[in-house]
């Protein structure tokens, strides 16, 4: 893992990774679910 300069940057990076995982899972499972996530 790349070292971030601060806890905030680390938190943002982790949140981004988790968000991408959620969208990726939704895409594989149900495209309409992924669309709903993107609209928000």
PDB file of N, CA and C in Angstrom:
ATOM      1  N   UNK A   1       0.850  -1.209   0.000  1.00  0.00           N
ATOM      2  CA  UNK A   1       0.000   0.000   0.000  1.00  0.00           C
ATOM      3  C   UNK A   1       0.880   1.252   0.000  1.00  0.00           C
ATOM      4  N   UNK A   2       0.434   2.266  -0.700  1.00  0.00           N
ATOM      5  CA  UNK A   2       1.196   3.517  -0.763  1.00  0.00           C
ATOM      6  C   UNK A   2       0.936   4.323   0.506  1.00  0.00           C
ATOM      7  N   UNK A   3       1.986   4.862   1.093  1.00  0.00           N
ATOM      8  CA  UNK A   3       1.822   5.672   2.300  1.00  0.00           C
ATOM      9  C   UNK A   3       1.235   7.035   1.944  1.00  0.00           C
ATOM     10  N   UNK A   4       0.167   7.408   2.635  1.00  0.00           N
ATOM     11  CA  UNK A   4      -0.450   8.712   2.396  1.00  0.00           C
ATOM     12  C   UNK A   4       0.211   9.743   3.305  1.00  0.00           C
ATOM     13  N   UNK A   5       0.055  11.002   2.982  1.00  0.00           N
ATOM     14  CA  UNK A   5       0.675  12.065   3.771  1.00  0.00           C
ATOM     15  C   UNK A   5      -0.074  12.319   5.068  1.00  0.00           C
ATOM     16  N   UNK A   6      -1.341  11.904   5.108  1.00  0.00           N
ATOM     17  CA  UNK A   6      -2.126  12.170   6.310  1.00  0.00           C
ATOM     18  C   UNK A   6      -3.218  11.131   6.471  1.00  0.00           C
ATOM     19  N   UNK A   7      -3.822  11.099   7.667  1.00  0.00           N
ATOM     20  CA  UNK A   7      -4.924  10.170   7.905  1.00  0.00           C
ATOM     21  C   UNK A   7      -6.090  10.476   6.982  1.00  0.00           C
ATOM     22  N   UNK A   8      -6.314  11.746   6.701  1.00  0.00           N
ATOM     23  CA  UNK A   8      -7.428  12.123   5.829  1.00  0.00           C
ATOM     24  C   UNK A   8      -7.231  11.527   4.446  1.00  0.00           C
ATOM     25  N   UNK A   9      -6.029  11.632   3.905  1.00  0.00           N
ATOM     26  CA  UNK A   9      -5.757  11.088   2.576  1.00  0.00           C
ATOM     27  C   UNK A   9      -5.932   9.574   2.577  1.00  0.00           C
ATOM     28  N   UNK A  10      -5.503   8.928   3.659  1.00  0.00           N
ATOM     29  CA  UNK A  10      -5.651   7.475   3.763  1.00  0.00           C
ATOM     30  C   UNK A  10      -7.125   7.113   3.787  1.00  0.00           C
ATOM     31  N   UNK A  11      -7.910   7.847   4.565  1.00  0.00           N
ATOM     32  CA  UNK A  11      -9.339   7.579   4.666  1.00  0.00           C
ATOM     33  C   UNK A  11     -10.019   7.737   3.309  1.00  0.00           C
ATOM     34  N   UNK A  12      -9.643   8.790   2.591  1.00  0.00           N
ATOM     35  CA  UNK A  12     -10.231   9.040   1.269  1.00  0.00           C
ATOM     36  C   UNK A  12      -9.862   7.910   0.315  1.00  0.00           C
ATOM     37  N   UNK A  13      -8.619   7.483   0.348  1.00  0.00           N
ATOM     38  CA  UNK A  13      -8.170   6.406  -0.534  1.00  0.00           C
ATOM     39  C   UNK A  13      -8.923   5.115  -0.232  1.00  0.00           C
ATOM     40  N   UNK A  14      -9.081   4.798   1.039  1.00  0.00           N
ATOM     41  CA  UNK A  14      -9.808   3.582   1.436  1.00  0.00           C
ATOM     42  C   UNK A  14     -11.266   3.682   1.003  1.00  0.00           C
ATOM     43  N   UNK A  15     -11.888   4.834   1.244  1.00  0.00           N
ATOM     44  CA  UNK A  15     -13.287   5.024   0.865  1.00  0.00           C
ATOM     45  C   UNK A  15     -13.441   4.878  -0.645  1.00  0.00           C
ATOM     46  N   UNK A  16     -12.501   5.413  -1.411  1.00  0.00           N
ATOM     47  CA  UNK A  16     -12.557   5.334  -2.871  1.00  0.00           C
ATOM     48  C   UNK A  16     -12.487   3.883  -3.322  1.00  0.00           C
ATOM     49  N   UNK A  17     -11.557   3.124  -2.719  1.00  0.00           N
ATOM     50  CA  UNK A  17     -11.398   1.706  -3.075  1.00  0.00           C
ATOM     51  C   UNK A  17     -12.683   0.943  -2.765  1.00  0.00           C
ATOM     52  N   UNK A  18     -13.261   1.198  -1.582  1.00  0.00           N
ATOM     53  CA  UNK A  18     -14.489   0.504  -1.192  1.00  0.00           C
ATOM     54  C   UNK A  18     -15.624   0.865  -2.139  1.00  0.00           C
ATOM     55  N   UNK A  19     -15.697   2.165  -2.523  1.00  0.00           N
ATOM     56  CA  UNK A  19     -16.756   2.613  -3.421  1.00  0.00           C
ATOM     57  C   UNK A  19     -16.626   1.912  -4.770  1.00  0.00           C
ATOM     58  N   UNK A  20     -15.402   1.827  -5.283  1.00  0.00           N
ATOM     59  CA  UNK A  20     -15.184   1.167  -6.569  1.00  0.00           C
ATOM     60  C   UNK A  20     -15.563  -0.304  -6.487  1.00  0.00           C
ATOM     61  N   UNK A  21     -15.261  -0.947  -5.347  1.00  0.00           N
ATOM     62  CA  UNK A  21     -15.627  -2.353  -5.164  1.00  0.00           C
ATOM     63  C   UNK A  21     -17.136  -2.516  -5.209  1.00  0.00           C
ATOM     64  N   UNK A  22     -17.857  -1.603  -4.560  1.00  0.00           N
ATOM     65  CA  UNK A  22     -19.312  -1.672  -4.518  1.00  0.00           C
ATOM     66  C   UNK A  22     -19.887  -1.522  -5.925  1.00  0.00           C
ATOM     67  N   UNK A  23     -19.379  -0.540  -6.662  1.00  0.00           N
ATOM     68  CA  UNK A  23     -19.867  -0.315  -8.025  1.00  0.00           C
ATOM     69  C   UNK A  23     -19.522  -1.504  -8.914  1.00  0.00           C
ATOM     70  N   UNK A  24     -18.323  -2.038  -8.763  1.00  0.00           N
ATOM     71  CA  UNK A  24     -17.896  -3.176  -9.568  1.00  0.00           C
ATOM     72  C   UNK A  24     -18.790  -4.383  -9.296  1.00  0.00           C
ATOM     73  N   UNK A  25     -19.092  -4.628  -8.020  1.00  0.00           N
ATOM     74  CA  UNK A  25     -19.960  -5.747  -7.649  1.00  0.00           C
ATOM     75  C   UNK A  25     -21.356  -5.542  -8.223  1.00  0.00           C
ATOM     76  N   UNK A  26     -21.843  -4.304  -8.136  1.00  0.00           N
ATOM     77  CA  UNK A  26     -23.178  -3.991  -8.646  1.00  0.00           C
ATOM     78  C   UNK A  26     -23.232  -4.215 -10.154  1.00  0.00           C
ATOM     79  N   UNK A  27     -22.161  -3.821 -10.856  1.00  0.00           N
ATOM     80  CA  UNK A  27     -22.119  -3.999 -12.310  1.00  0.00           C
ATOM     81  C   UNK A  27     -22.220  -5.477 -12.667  1.00  0.00           C
ATOM     82  N   UNK A  28     -21.480  -6.303 -11.948  1.00  0.00           N
ATOM     83  CA  UNK A  28     -21.491  -7.733 -12.236  1.00  0.00           C
ATOM     84  C   UNK A  28     -22.840  -8.348 -11.889  1.00  0.00           C
ATOM     85  N   UNK A  29     -23.457  -7.859 -10.815  1.00  0.00           N
ATOM     86  CA  UNK A  29     -24.695  -8.440 -10.313  1.00  0.00           C
ATOM     87  C   UNK A  29     -25.919  -7.859 -11.030  1.00  0.00           C
ATOM     88  N   UNK A  30     -25.964  -6.534 -11.120  1.00  0.00           N
ATOM     89  CA  UNK A  30     -27.165  -5.887 -11.658  1.00  0.00           C
ATOM     90  C   UNK A  30     -26.827  -4.489 -12.169  1.00  0.00           C
ATOM     91  N   UNK A  31     -26.931  -4.269 -13.467  1.00  0.00           N
ATOM     92  CA  UNK A  31     -26.563  -2.982 -14.048  1.00  0.00           C
ATOM     93  C   UNK A  31     -27.439  -1.847 -13.529  1.00  0.00           C
ATOM     94  N   UNK A  32     -28.725  -2.116 -13.284  1.00  0.00           N
ATOM     95  CA  UNK A  32     -29.618  -1.073 -12.791  1.00  0.00           C
ATOM     96  C   UNK A  32     -29.177  -0.607 -11.402  1.00  0.00           C
ATOM     97  N   UNK A  33     -28.642  -1.514 -10.599  1.00  0.00           N
ATOM     98  CA  UNK A  33     -28.160  -1.151  -9.264  1.00  0.00           C
ATOM     99  C   UNK A  33     -26.966  -0.208  -9.394  1.00  0.00           C
ATOM    100  N   UNK A  34     -26.077  -0.493 -10.339  1.00  0.00           N
ATOM    101  CA  UNK A  34     -24.904   0.358 -10.556  1.00  0.00           C
ATOM    102  C   UNK A  34     -25.344   1.748 -11.000  1.00  0.00           C
ATOM    103  N   UNK A  35     -26.367   1.797 -11.841  1.00  0.00           N
ATOM    104  CA  UNK A  35     -26.873   3.088 -12.304  1.00  0.00           C
ATOM    105  C   UNK A  35     -27.427   3.880 -11.129  1.00  0.00           C
ATOM    106  N   UNK A  36     -28.139   3.215 -10.245  1.00  0.00           N
ATOM    107  CA  UNK A  36     -28.718   3.890  -9.082  1.00  0.00           C
ATOM    108  C   UNK A  36     -27.607   4.475  -8.214  1.00  0.00           C
ATOM    109  N   UNK A  37     -26.507   3.748  -8.064  1.00  0.00           N
ATOM    110  CA  UNK A  37     -25.380   4.227  -7.261  1.00  0.00           C
ATOM    111  C   UNK A  37     -24.772   5.467  -7.903  1.00  0.00           C
ATOM    112  N   UNK A  38     -24.620   5.446  -9.238  1.00  0.00           N
ATOM    113  CA  UNK A  38     -24.008   6.570  -9.935  1.00  0.00           C
ATOM    114  C   UNK A  38     -24.875   7.818  -9.870  1.00  0.00           C
ATOM    115  N   UNK A  39     -26.203   7.638  -9.905  1.00  0.00           N
ATOM    116  CA  UNK A  39     -27.111   8.788  -9.862  1.00  0.00           C
ATOM    117  C   UNK A  39     -26.941   9.540  -8.550  1.00  0.00           C
ATOM    118  N   UNK A  40     -26.768   8.809  -7.455  1.00  0.00           N
ATOM    119  CA  UNK A  40     -26.534   9.453  -6.167  1.00  0.00           C
ATOM    120  C   UNK A  40     -25.194  10.155  -6.224  1.00  0.00           C
TER     121      UNK A  40
END
